[in-house]
Amino acid sequence: MPTTPRSTKRQLIDLSILLFHVGFIVFSFAVAMLLPFYFGFLLIALHYTHEKLHGDCILSTWQRDYGFAREKEDFFHYLFRRLGIDVDPKVTFKFHHLIKTLILILILIDLFTRIV
């Protein structure tokens, strides 16, 4: 079945959102490890605020709005589904929170090492 320009464009948008999300996770770890703690707190505060206002992070919201991810599907569940790996959504939801918690722990360690 030949790919149409529309399906190719959708695939590029989907891939772009996936790569941007992975890049944001790497960026978040870099901010937590390399920059002063207040940048990390700002990053967490902005992410948390968006999740509270819109129900999820902006990139997961885009995936659903563009019709790539299912309703209430988080980024990691969508990523694993795209990779053909069947994972329970509860596990990926916990994994998502684990990553956010690790970033927060790195920021708190930086805070306490600068204070002490």
PDB file of N, CA and C in Angstrom:
ATOM      1  N   MET A   1       0.838  -1.170   0.000  1.00  0.00           N
ATOM      2  CA  MET A   1       0.000   0.000   0.000  1.00  0.00           C
ATOM      3  C   MET A   1       0.892   1.245   0.000  1.00  0.00           C
ATOM      4  N   PRO A   2       0.794   2.067  -1.033  1.00  0.00           N
ATOM      5  CA  PRO A   2       1.659   3.245  -1.116  1.00  0.00           C
ATOM      6  C   PRO A   2       1.281   4.291  -0.066  1.00  0.00           C
ATOM      7  N   THR A   3       2.296   5.003   0.386  1.00  0.00           N
ATOM      8  CA  THR A   3       2.029   6.061   1.359  1.00  0.00           C
ATOM      9  C   THR A   3       1.663   7.339   0.623  1.00  0.00           C
ATOM     10  N   THR A   4       0.680   8.016   1.131  1.00  0.00           N
ATOM     11  CA  THR A   4       0.243   9.275   0.540  1.00  0.00           C
ATOM     12  C   THR A   4       0.983  10.412   1.229  1.00  0.00           C
ATOM     13  N   PRO A   5       1.027  11.569   0.577  1.00  0.00           N
ATOM     14  CA  PRO A   5       1.684  12.707   1.233  1.00  0.00           C
ATOM     15  C   PRO A   5       1.055  13.041   2.587  1.00  0.00           C
ATOM     16  N   ARG A   6      -0.269  12.839   2.697  1.00  0.00           N
ATOM     17  CA  ARG A   6      -0.945  13.125   3.971  1.00  0.00           C
ATOM     18  C   ARG A   6      -0.482  12.158   5.061  1.00  0.00           C
ATOM     19  N   SER A   7      -0.377  10.853   4.730  1.00  0.00           N
ATOM     20  CA  SER A   7       0.055   9.890   5.748  1.00  0.00           C
ATOM     21  C   SER A   7       1.527  10.096   6.103  1.00  0.00           C
ATOM     22  N   THR A   8       2.333  10.487   5.124  1.00  0.00           N
ATOM     23  CA  THR A   8       3.740  10.774   5.395  1.00  0.00           C
ATOM     24  C   THR A   8       3.864  11.984   6.317  1.00  0.00           C
ATOM     25  N   LYS A   9       3.039  12.999   6.077  1.00  0.00           N
ATOM     26  CA  LYS A   9       3.058  14.188   6.933  1.00  0.00           C
ATOM     27  C   LYS A   9       2.641  13.822   8.355  1.00  0.00           C
ATOM     28  N   ARG A  10       1.610  12.986   8.493  1.00  0.00           N
ATOM     29  CA  ARG A  10       1.163  12.549   9.824  1.00  0.00           C
ATOM     30  C   ARG A  10       2.259  11.755  10.531  1.00  0.00           C
ATOM     31  N   GLN A  11       2.949  10.900   9.784  1.00  0.00           N
ATOM     32  CA  GLN A  11       4.036  10.125  10.382  1.00  0.00           C
ATOM     33  C   GLN A  11       5.159  11.039  10.863  1.00  0.00           C
ATOM     34  N   LEU A  12       5.449  12.086  10.097  1.00  0.00           N
ATOM     35  CA  LEU A  12       6.491  13.030  10.500  1.00  0.00           C
ATOM     36  C   LEU A  12       6.080  13.818  11.744  1.00  0.00           C
ATOM     37  N   ILE A  13       4.810  14.222  11.802  1.00  0.00           N
ATOM     38  CA  ILE A  13       4.321  14.927  12.992  1.00  0.00           C
ATOM     39  C   ILE A  13       4.400  14.007  14.204  1.00  0.00           C
ATOM     40  N   ASP A  14       3.959  12.767  14.025  1.00  0.00           N
ATOM     41  CA  ASP A  14       3.995  11.789  15.116  1.00  0.00           C
ATOM     42  C   ASP A  14       5.427  11.567  15.590  1.00  0.00           C
ATOM     43  N   LEU A  15       6.334  11.337  14.667  1.00  0.00           N
ATOM     44  CA  LEU A  15       7.738  11.124  15.016  1.00  0.00           C
ATOM     45  C   LEU A  15       8.329  12.365  15.680  1.00  0.00           C
ATOM     46  N   SER A  16       7.958  13.537  15.186  1.00  0.00           N
ATOM     47  CA  SER A  16       8.462  14.781  15.777  1.00  0.00           C
ATOM     48  C   SER A  16       8.024  14.924  17.229  1.00  0.00           C
ATOM     49  N   ILE A  17       6.747  14.631  17.503  1.00  0.00           N
ATOM     50  CA  ILE A  17       6.258  14.733  18.879  1.00  0.00           C
ATOM     51  C   ILE A  17       6.962  13.715  19.772  1.00  0.00           C
ATOM     52  N   LEU A  18       7.146  12.488  19.269  1.00  0.00           N
ATOM     53  CA  LEU A  18       7.848  11.460  20.053  1.00  0.00           C
ATOM     54  C   LEU A  18       9.281  11.886  20.369  1.00  0.00           C
ATOM     55  N   LEU A  19       9.993  12.349  19.349  1.00  0.00           N
ATOM     56  CA  LEU A  19      11.383  12.758  19.553  1.00  0.00           C
ATOM     57  C   LEU A  19      11.479  13.977  20.464  1.00  0.00           C
ATOM     58  N   PHE A  20      10.549  14.903  20.309  1.00  0.00           N
ATOM     59  CA  PHE A  20      10.544  16.092  21.155  1.00  0.00           C
ATOM     60  C   PHE A  20      10.295  15.708  22.609  1.00  0.00           C
ATOM     61  N   HIS A  21       9.414  14.741  22.827  1.00  0.00           N
ATOM     62  CA  HIS A  21       9.121  14.295  24.194  1.00  0.00           C
ATOM     63  C   HIS A  21      10.347  13.624  24.815  1.00  0.00           C
ATOM     64  N   VAL A  22      10.997  12.748  24.071  1.00  0.00           N
ATOM     65  CA  VAL A  22      12.220  12.106  24.571  1.00  0.00           C
ATOM     66  C   VAL A  22      13.290  13.170  24.823  1.00  0.00           C
ATOM     67  N   GLY A  23      13.405  14.123  23.907  1.00  0.00           N
ATOM     68  CA  GLY A  23      14.362  15.213  24.082  1.00  0.00           C
ATOM     69  C   GLY A  23      14.070  16.052  25.314  1.00  0.00           C
ATOM     70  N   PHE A  24      12.782  16.282  25.594  1.00  0.00           N
ATOM     71  CA  PHE A  24      12.408  17.058  26.775  1.00  0.00           C
ATOM     72  C   PHE A  24      12.770  16.310  28.053  1.00  0.00           C
ATOM     73  N   ILE A  25      12.625  14.999  28.035  1.00  0.00           N
ATOM     74  CA  ILE A  25      13.003  14.203  29.211  1.00  0.00           C
ATOM     75  C   ILE A  25      14.511  14.297  29.442  1.00  0.00           C
ATOM     76  N   VAL A  26      15.293  14.160  28.384  1.00  0.00           N
ATOM     77  CA  VAL A  26      16.753  14.286  28.494  1.00  0.00           C
ATOM     78  C   VAL A  26      17.118  15.697  28.956  1.00  0.00           C
ATOM     79  N   PHE A  27      16.461  16.704  28.374  1.00  0.00           N
ATOM     80  CA  PHE A  27      16.686  18.097  28.767  1.00  0.00           C
ATOM     81  C   PHE A  27      16.376  18.301  30.249  1.00  0.00           C
ATOM     82  N   SER A  28      15.298  17.707  30.728  1.00  0.00           N
ATOM     83  CA  SER A  28      14.909  17.844  32.135  1.00  0.00           C
ATOM     84  C   SER A  28      15.972  17.258  33.059  1.00  0.00           C
ATOM     85  N   PHE A  29      16.513  16.095  32.683  1.00  0.00           N
ATOM     86  CA  PHE A  29      17.592  15.514  33.484  1.00  0.00           C
ATOM     87  C   PHE A  29      18.831  16.403  33.437  1.00  0.00           C
ATOM     88  N   ALA A  30      19.137  16.966  32.272  1.00  0.00           N
ATOM     89  CA  ALA A  30      20.294  17.854  32.151  1.00  0.00           C
ATOM     90  C   ALA A  30      20.119  19.097  33.017  1.00  0.00           C
ATOM     91  N   VAL A  31      18.924  19.677  32.995  1.00  0.00           N
ATOM     92  CA  VAL A  31      18.649  20.843  33.844  1.00  0.00           C
ATOM     93  C   VAL A  31      18.819  20.468  35.309  1.00  0.00           C
ATOM     94  N   ALA A  32      18.290  19.314  35.689  1.00  0.00           N
ATOM     95  CA  ALA A  32      18.361  18.885  37.090  1.00  0.00           C
ATOM     96  C   ALA A  32      19.801  18.648  37.540  1.00  0.00           C
ATOM     97  N   MET A  33      20.657  18.186  36.641  1.00  0.00           N
ATOM     98  CA  MET A  33      22.024  17.839  37.032  1.00  0.00           C
ATOM     99  C   MET A  33      23.018  18.981  36.831  1.00  0.00           C
ATOM    100  N   LEU A  34      22.773  19.848  35.847  1.00  0.00           N
ATOM    101  CA  LEU A  34      23.792  20.820  35.477  1.00  0.00           C
ATOM    102  C   LEU A  34      23.503  22.255  35.901  1.00  0.00           C
ATOM    103  N   LEU A  35      22.247  22.631  35.961  1.00  0.00           N
ATOM    104  CA  LEU A  35      21.904  24.014  36.281  1.00  0.00           C
ATOM    105  C   LEU A  35      21.560  24.154  37.764  1.00  0.00           C
ATOM    106  N   PRO A  36      21.599  25.377  38.269  1.00  0.00           N
ATOM    107  CA  PRO A  36      21.205  25.582  39.672  1.00  0.00           C
ATOM    108  C   PRO A  36      19.779  25.098  39.925  1.00  0.00           C
ATOM    109  N   PHE A  37      19.530  24.711  41.164  1.00  0.00           N
ATOM    110  CA  PHE A  37      18.271  24.060  41.535  1.00  0.00           C
ATOM    111  C   PHE A  37      17.037  24.873  41.184  1.00  0.00           C
ATOM    112  N   TYR A  38      17.125  26.206  41.196  1.00  0.00           N
ATOM    113  CA  TYR A  38      15.922  27.002  40.947  1.00  0.00           C
ATOM    114  C   TYR A  38      15.431  26.867  39.509  1.00  0.00           C
ATOM    115  N   PHE A  39      16.316  26.572  38.558  1.00  0.00           N
ATOM    116  CA  PHE A  39      15.863  26.296  37.195  1.00  0.00           C
ATOM    117  C   PHE A  39      15.058  24.997  37.155  1.00  0.00           C
ATOM    118  N   GLY A  40      15.533  24.010  37.893  1.00  0.00           N
ATOM    119  CA  GLY A  40      14.807  22.746  37.971  1.00  0.00           C
ATOM    120  C   GLY A  40      13.453  22.899  38.623  1.00  0.00           C
ATOM    121  N   PHE A  41      13.403  23.693  39.710  1.00  0.00           N
ATOM    122  CA  PHE A  41      12.115  23.943  40.359  1.00  0.00           C
ATOM    123  C   PHE A  41      11.158  24.659  39.408  1.00  0.00           C
ATOM    124  N   LEU A  42      11.680  25.608  38.638  1.00  0.00           N
ATOM    125  CA  LEU A  42      10.844  26.318  37.665  1.00  0.00           C
ATOM    126  C   LEU A  42      10.308  25.348  36.613  1.00  0.00           C
ATOM    127  N   LEU A  43      11.170  24.473  36.127  1.00  0.00           N
ATOM    128  CA  LEU A  43      10.755  23.480  35.136  1.00  0.00           C
ATOM    129  C   LEU A  43       9.666  22.570  35.701  1.00  0.00           C
ATOM    130  N   ILE A  44       9.850  22.098  36.918  1.00  0.00           N
ATOM    131  CA  ILE A  44       8.847  21.233  37.550  1.00  0.00           C
ATOM    132  C   ILE A  44       7.547  21.997  37.782  1.00  0.00           C
ATOM    133  N   ALA A  45       7.646  23.240  38.239  1.00  0.00           N
ATOM    134  CA  ALA A  45       6.444  24.038  38.502  1.00  0.00           C
ATOM    135  C   ALA A  45       5.644  24.262  37.223  1.00  0.00           C
ATOM    136  N   LEU A  46       6.322  24.568  36.132  1.00  0.00           N
ATOM    137  CA  LEU A  46       5.619  24.777  34.860  1.00  0.00           C
ATOM    138  C   LEU A  46       4.971  23.487  34.372  1.00  0.00           C
ATOM    139  N   HIS A  47       5.690  22.382  34.477  1.00  0.00           N
ATOM    140  CA  HIS A  47       5.148  21.093  34.043  1.00  0.00           C
ATOM    141  C   HIS A  47       3.944  20.706  34.899  1.00  0.00           C
ATOM    142  N   TYR A  48       4.081  20.860  36.207  1.00  0.00           N
ATOM    143  CA  TYR A  48       2.999  20.519  37.134  1.00  0.00           C
ATOM    144  C   TYR A  48       1.770  21.398  36.877  1.00  0.00           C
ATOM    145  N   THR A  49       1.987  22.690  36.670  1.00  0.00           N
ATOM    146  CA  THR A  49       0.877  23.606  36.407  1.00  0.00           C
ATOM    147  C   THR A  49       0.134  23.213  35.144  1.00  0.00           C
ATOM    148  N   HIS A  50       0.874  22.883  34.096  1.00  0.00           N
ATOM    149  CA  HIS A  50       0.215  22.477  32.854  1.00  0.00           C
ATOM    150  C   HIS A  50      -0.570  21.191  33.055  1.00  0.00           C
ATOM    151  N   GLU A  51      -0.007  20.243  33.786  1.00  0.00           N
ATOM    152  CA  GLU A  51      -0.733  18.997  34.043  1.00  0.00           C
ATOM    153  C   GLU A  51      -2.019  19.248  34.821  1.00  0.00           C
ATOM    154  N   LYS A  52      -1.982  20.153  35.783  1.00  0.00           N
ATOM    155  CA  LYS A  52      -3.186  20.444  36.574  1.00  0.00           C
ATOM    156  C   LYS A  52      -4.223  21.196  35.744  1.00  0.00           C
ATOM    157  N   LEU A  53      -3.787  22.097  34.875  1.00  0.00           N
ATOM    158  CA  LEU A  53      -4.731  22.881  34.075  1.00  0.00           C
ATOM    159  C   LEU A  53      -5.315  22.093  32.908  1.00  0.00           C
ATOM    160  N   HIS A  54      -4.503  21.240  32.284  1.00  0.00           N
ATOM    161  CA  HIS A  54      -4.927  20.546  31.067  1.00  0.00           C
ATOM    162  C   HIS A  54      -5.045  19.038  31.218  1.00  0.00           C
ATOM    163  N   GLY A  55      -4.749  18.513  32.391  1.00  0.00           N
ATOM    164  CA  GLY A  55      -4.927  17.090  32.633  1.00  0.00           C
ATOM    165  C   GLY A  55      -3.743  16.217  32.275  1.00  0.00           C
ATOM    166  N   ASP A  56      -2.773  16.758  31.571  1.00  0.00           N
ATOM    167  CA  ASP A  56      -1.593  15.978  31.194  1.00  0.00           C
ATOM    168  C   ASP A  56      -0.530  16.934  30.684  1.00  0.00           C
ATOM    169  N   CYS A  57       0.666  16.409  30.431  1.00  0.00           N
ATOM    170  CA  CYS A  57       1.711  17.273  29.900  1.00  0.00           C
ATOM    171  C   CYS A  57       1.362  17.671  28.464  1.00  0.00           C
ATOM    172  N   ILE A  58       1.938  18.750  28.008  1.00  0.00           N
ATOM    173  CA  ILE A  58       1.543  19.322  26.723  1.00  0.00           C
ATOM    174  C   ILE A  58       1.822  18.370  25.560  1.00  0.00           C
ATOM    175  N   LEU A  59       2.916  17.628  25.625  1.00  0.00           N
ATOM    176  CA  LEU A  59       3.248  16.743  24.512  1.00  0.00           C
ATOM    177  C   LEU A  59       2.297  15.553  24.439  1.00  0.00           C
ATOM    178  N   SER A  60       1.898  15.015  25.575  1.00  0.00           N
ATOM    179  CA  SER A  60       0.896  13.941  25.579  1.00  0.00           C
ATOM    180  C   SER A  60      -0.443  14.468  25.077  1.00  0.00           C
ATOM    181  N   THR A  61      -0.771  15.705  25.445  1.00  0.00           N
ATOM    182  CA  THR A  61      -2.005  16.329  24.966  1.00  0.00           C
ATOM    183  C   THR A  61      -1.967  16.478  23.453  1.00  0.00           C
ATOM    184  N   TRP A  62      -0.833  16.901  22.915  1.00  0.00           N
ATOM    185  CA  TRP A  62      -0.701  17.024  21.454  1.00  0.00           C
ATOM    186  C   TRP A  62      -0.884  15.671  20.779  1.00  0.00           C
ATOM    187  N   GLN A  63      -0.302  14.623  21.359  1.00  0.00           N
ATOM    188  CA  GLN A  63      -0.442  13.296  20.755  1.00  0.00           C
ATOM    189  C   GLN A  63      -1.907  12.895  20.655  1.00  0.00           C
ATOM    190  N   ARG A  64      -2.676  13.179  21.674  1.00  0.00           N
ATOM    191  CA  ARG A  64      -4.110  12.856  21.628  1.00  0.00           C
ATOM    192  C   ARG A  64      -4.858  13.798  20.691  1.00  0.00           C
ATOM    193  N   ASP A  65      -4.539  15.094  20.739  1.00  0.00           N
ATOM    194  CA  ASP A  65      -5.236  16.066  19.898  1.00  0.00           C
ATOM    195  C   ASP A  65      -5.024  15.788  18.411  1.00  0.00           C
ATOM    196  N   TYR A  66      -3.841  15.322  18.049  1.00  0.00           N
ATOM    197  CA  TYR A  66      -3.562  14.999  16.648  1.00  0.00           C
ATOM    198  C   TYR A  66      -4.028  13.594  16.270  1.00  0.00           C
ATOM    199  N   GLY A  67      -4.583  12.866  17.223  1.00  0.00           N
ATOM    200  CA  GLY A  67      -5.140  11.551  16.932  1.00  0.00           C
ATOM    201  C   GLY A  67      -4.138  10.415  16.927  1.00  0.00           C
ATOM    202  N   PHE A  68      -2.968  10.615  17.506  1.00  0.00           N
ATOM    203  CA  PHE A  68      -1.976   9.545  17.545  1.00  0.00           C
ATOM    204  C   PHE A  68      -2.182   8.648  18.760  1.00  0.00           C
ATOM    205  N   ALA A  69      -2.314   9.251  19.919  1.00  0.00           N
ATOM    206  CA  ALA A  69      -2.490   8.488  21.157  1.00  0.00           C
ATOM    207  C   ALA A  69      -3.971   8.350  21.476  1.00  0.00           C
ATOM    208  N   ARG A  70      -4.272   7.304  22.213  1.00  0.00           N
ATOM    209  CA  ARG A  70      -5.649   7.088  22.652  1.00  0.00           C
ATOM    210  C   ARG A  70      -5.975   8.014  23.819  1.00  0.00           C
ATOM    211  N   GLU A  71      -7.268   8.151  24.073  1.00  0.00           N
ATOM    212  CA  GLU A  71      -7.715   8.962  25.211  1.00  0.00           C
ATOM    213  C   GLU A  71      -7.141   8.376  26.501  1.00  0.00           C
ATOM    214  N   LYS A  72      -6.620   9.216  27.357  1.00  0.00           N
ATOM    215  CA  LYS A  72      -6.036   8.840  28.659  1.00  0.00           C
ATOM    216  C   LYS A  72      -4.781   7.970  28.527  1.00  0.00           C
ATOM    217  N   GLU A  73      -4.161   7.966  27.362  1.00  0.00           N
ATOM    218  CA  GLU A  73      -2.927   7.193  27.165  1.00  0.00           C
ATOM    219  C   GLU A  73      -1.738   8.112  27.412  1.00  0.00           C
ATOM    220  N   ASP A  74      -0.845   7.721  28.311  1.00  0.00           N
ATOM    221  CA  ASP A  74       0.312   8.558  28.583  1.00  0.00           C
ATOM    222  C   ASP A  74       1.395   8.315  27.538  1.00  0.00           C
ATOM    223  N   PHE A  75       2.432   9.144  27.587  1.00  0.00           N
ATOM    224  CA  PHE A  75       3.483   9.101  26.581  1.00  0.00           C
ATOM    225  C   PHE A  75       4.157   7.737  26.491  1.00  0.00           C
ATOM    226  N   PHE A  76       4.525   7.171  27.630  1.00  0.00           N
ATOM    227  CA  PHE A  76       5.282   5.923  27.600  1.00  0.00           C
ATOM    228  C   PHE A  76       4.438   4.754  27.097  1.00  0.00           C
ATOM    229  N   HIS A  77       3.162   4.730  27.445  1.00  0.00           N
ATOM    230  CA  HIS A  77       2.304   3.667  26.924  1.00  0.00           C
ATOM    231  C   HIS A  77       2.193   3.794  25.412  1.00  0.00           C
ATOM    232  N   TYR A  78       2.045   5.011  24.921  1.00  0.00           N
ATOM    233  CA  TYR A  78       1.982   5.239  23.479  1.00  0.00           C
ATOM    234  C   TYR A  78       3.300   4.843  22.810  1.00  0.00           C
ATOM    235  N   LEU A  79       4.413   5.234  23.419  1.00  0.00           N
ATOM    236  CA  LEU A  79       5.725   4.900  22.851  1.00  0.00           C
ATOM    237  C   LEU A  79       5.916   3.392  22.769  1.00  0.00           C
ATOM    238  N   PHE A  80       5.621   2.684  23.863  1.00  0.00           N
ATOM    239  CA  PHE A  80       5.777   1.228  23.855  1.00  0.00           C
ATOM    240  C   PHE A  80       4.810   0.574  22.868  1.00  0.00           C
ATOM    241  N   ARG A  81       3.604   1.100  22.759  1.00  0.00           N
ATOM    242  CA  ARG A  81       2.640   0.558  21.790  1.00  0.00           C
ATOM    243  C   ARG A  81       3.161   0.751  20.371  1.00  0.00           C
ATOM    244  N   ARG A  82       3.747   1.915  20.097  1.00  0.00           N
ATOM    245  CA  ARG A  82       4.327   2.174  18.775  1.00  0.00           C
ATOM    246  C   ARG A  82       5.498   1.239  18.482  1.00  0.00           C
ATOM    247  N   LEU A  83       6.243   0.876  19.529  1.00  0.00           N
ATOM    248  CA  LEU A  83       7.373  -0.037  19.360  1.00  0.00           C
ATOM    249  C   LEU A  83       6.942  -1.499  19.333  1.00  0.00           C
ATOM    250  N   GLY A  84       5.647  -1.747  19.511  1.00  0.00           N
ATOM    251  CA  GLY A  84       5.125  -3.107  19.471  1.00  0.00           C
ATOM    252  C   GLY A  84       5.280  -3.863  20.776  1.00  0.00           C
ATOM    253  N   ILE A  85       5.506  -3.147  21.865  1.00  0.00           N
ATOM    254  CA  ILE A  85       5.675  -3.770  23.176  1.00  0.00           C
ATOM    255  C   ILE A  85       4.381  -3.579  23.957  1.00  0.00           C
ATOM    256  N   ASP A  86       3.760  -4.693  24.346  1.00  0.00           N
ATOM    257  CA  ASP A  86       2.500  -4.627  25.082  1.00  0.00           C
ATOM    258  C   ASP A  86       2.793  -4.457  26.568  1.00  0.00           C
ATOM    259  N   VAL A  87       2.436  -3.294  27.102  1.00  0.00           N
ATOM    260  CA  VAL A  87       2.689  -2.976  28.504  1.00  0.00           C
ATOM    261  C   VAL A  87       1.388  -2.474  29.122  1.00  0.00           C
ATOM    262  N   ASP A  88       1.177  -2.845  30.374  1.00  0.00           N
ATOM    263  CA  ASP A  88       0.003  -2.380  31.109  1.00  0.00           C
ATOM    264  C   ASP A  88       0.085  -0.859  31.289  1.00  0.00           C
ATOM    265  N   PRO A  89      -0.988  -0.122  30.983  1.00  0.00           N
ATOM    266  CA  PRO A  89      -0.963   1.339  31.143  1.00  0.00           C
ATOM    267  C   PRO A  89      -0.639   1.796  32.567  1.00  0.00           C
ATOM    268  N   LYS A  90      -0.998   0.987  33.561  1.00  0.00           N
ATOM    269  CA  LYS A  90      -0.675   1.354  34.944  1.00  0.00           C
ATOM    270  C   LYS A  90       0.837   1.374  35.159  1.00  0.00           C
ATOM    271  N   VAL A  91       1.542   0.458  34.503  1.00  0.00           N
ATOM    272  CA  VAL A  91       2.999   0.391  34.634  1.00  0.00           C
ATOM    273  C   VAL A  91       3.642   1.623  34.000  1.00  0.00           C
ATOM    274  N   THR A  92       3.181   1.998  32.813  1.00  0.00           N
ATOM    275  CA  THR A  92       3.778   3.160  32.148  1.00  0.00           C
ATOM    276  C   THR A  92       3.444   4.445  32.887  1.00  0.00           C
ATOM    277  N   PHE A  93       2.254   4.517  33.478  1.00  0.00           N
ATOM    278  CA  PHE A  93       1.881   5.686  34.277  1.00  0.00           C
ATOM    279  C   PHE A  93       2.816   5.814  35.480  1.00  0.00           C
ATOM    280  N   LYS A  94       3.096   4.692  36.135  1.00  0.00           N
ATOM    281  CA  LYS A  94       4.020   4.700  37.276  1.00  0.00           C
ATOM    282  C   LYS A  94       5.443   5.036  36.822  1.00  0.00           C
ATOM    283  N   PHE A  95       5.826   4.544  35.642  1.00  0.00           N
ATOM    284  CA  PHE A  95       7.144   4.839  35.090  1.00  0.00           C
ATOM    285  C   PHE A  95       7.279   6.338  34.825  1.00  0.00           C
ATOM    286  N   HIS A  96       6.227   6.945  34.291  1.00  0.00           N
ATOM    287  CA  HIS A  96       6.205   8.380  34.031  1.00  0.00           C
ATOM    288  C   HIS A  96       6.418   9.150  35.336  1.00  0.00           C
ATOM    289  N   HIS A  97       5.721   8.737  36.385  1.00  0.00           N
ATOM    290  CA  HIS A  97       5.879   9.393  37.683  1.00  0.00           C
ATOM    291  C   HIS A  97       7.248   9.114  38.290  1.00  0.00           C
ATOM    292  N   LEU A  98       7.809   7.945  38.046  1.00  0.00           N
ATOM    293  CA  LEU A  98       9.148   7.629  38.532  1.00  0.00           C
ATOM    294  C   LEU A  98      10.175   8.583  37.930  1.00  0.00           C
ATOM    295  N   ILE A  99      10.072   8.833  36.642  1.00  0.00           N
ATOM    296  CA  ILE A  99      11.015   9.738  35.985  1.00  0.00           C
ATOM    297  C   ILE A  99      10.891  11.147  36.560  1.00  0.00           C
ATOM    298  N   LYS A 100       9.655  11.616  36.739  1.00  0.00           N
ATOM    299  CA  LYS A 100       9.460  12.948  37.326  1.00  0.00           C
ATOM    300  C   LYS A 100      10.003  12.993  38.753  1.00  0.00           C
ATOM    301  N   THR A 101       9.838  11.916  39.501  1.00  0.00           N
ATOM    302  CA  THR A 101      10.348  11.859  40.872  1.00  0.00           C
ATOM    303  C   THR A 101      11.871  11.859  40.889  1.00  0.00           C
ATOM    304  N   LEU A 102      12.499  11.128  39.975  1.00  0.00           N
ATOM    305  CA  LEU A 102      13.965  11.123  39.898  1.00  0.00           C
ATOM    306  C   LEU A 102      14.503  12.516  39.595  1.00  0.00           C
ATOM    307  N   ILE A 103      13.843  13.225  38.695  1.00  0.00           N
ATOM    308  CA  ILE A 103      14.266  14.587  38.373  1.00  0.00           C
ATOM    309  C   ILE A 103      14.136  15.477  39.608  1.00  0.00           C
ATOM    310  N   LEU A 104      13.036  15.343  40.328  1.00  0.00           N
ATOM    311  CA  LEU A 104      12.843  16.123  41.554  1.00  0.00           C
ATOM    312  C   LEU A 104      13.908  15.784  42.596  1.00  0.00           C
ATOM    313  N   ILE A 105      14.247  14.516  42.743  1.00  0.00           N
ATOM    314  CA  ILE A 105      15.282  14.107  43.701  1.00  0.00           C
ATOM    315  C   ILE A 105      16.628  14.719  43.332  1.00  0.00           C
ATOM    316  N   LEU A 106      16.962  14.719  42.048  1.00  0.00           N
ATOM    317  CA  LEU A 106      18.218  15.340  41.611  1.00  0.00           C
ATOM    318  C   LEU A 106      18.242  16.830  41.946  1.00  0.00           C
ATOM    319  N   ILE A 107      17.111  17.492  41.755  1.00  0.00           N
ATOM    320  CA  ILE A 107      17.029  18.921  42.069  1.00  0.00           C
ATOM    321  C   ILE A 107      17.168  19.148  43.573  1.00  0.00           C
ATOM    322  N   LEU A 108      16.517  18.309  44.364  1.00  0.00           N
ATOM    323  CA  LEU A 108      16.616  18.449  45.822  1.00  0.00           C
ATOM    324  C   LEU A 108      18.031  18.179  46.321  1.00  0.00           C
ATOM    325  N   ILE A 109      18.706  17.203  45.730  1.00  0.00           N
ATOM    326  CA  ILE A 109      20.104  16.936  46.092  1.00  0.00           C
ATOM    327  C   ILE A 109      20.955  18.162  45.790  1.00  0.00           C
ATOM    328  N   ASP A 110      20.737  18.767  44.623  1.00  0.00           N
ATOM    329  CA  ASP A 110      21.471  19.981  44.260  1.00  0.00           C
ATOM    330  C   ASP A 110      21.174  21.108  45.246  1.00  0.00           C
ATOM    331  N   LEU A 111      19.915  21.252  45.625  1.00  0.00           N
ATOM    332  CA  LEU A 111      19.524  22.279  46.596  1.00  0.00           C
ATOM    333  C   LEU A 111      20.269  22.082  47.912  1.00  0.00           C
ATOM    334  N   PHE A 112      20.260  20.875  48.438  1.00  0.00           N
ATOM    335  CA  PHE A 112      20.885  20.631  49.737  1.00  0.00           C
ATOM    336  C   PHE A 112      22.410  20.701  49.676  1.00  0.00           C
ATOM    337  N   THR A 113      23.016  20.318  48.556  1.00  0.00           N
ATOM    338  CA  THR A 113      24.475  20.429  48.458  1.00  0.00           C
ATOM    339  C   THR A 113      24.910  21.886  48.347  1.00  0.00           C
ATOM    340  N   ARG A 114      24.078  22.736  47.788  1.00  0.00           N
ATOM    341  CA  ARG A 114      24.427  24.162  47.706  1.00  0.00           C
ATOM    342  C   ARG A 114      24.203  24.871  49.037  1.00  0.00           C
ATOM    343  N   ILE A 115      23.245  24.387  49.815  1.00  0.00           N
ATOM    344  CA  ILE A 115      22.954  25.014  51.105  1.00  0.00           C
ATOM    345  C   ILE A 115      23.969  24.587  52.155  1.00  0.00           C
ATOM    346  N   VAL A 116      24.325  23.314  52.164  1.00  0.00           N
ATOM    347  CA  VAL A 116      25.211  22.772  53.212  1.00  0.00           C
ATOM    348  C   VAL A 116      26.648  22.992  52.883  1.00  0.00           C
TER     349      VAL A 116
END
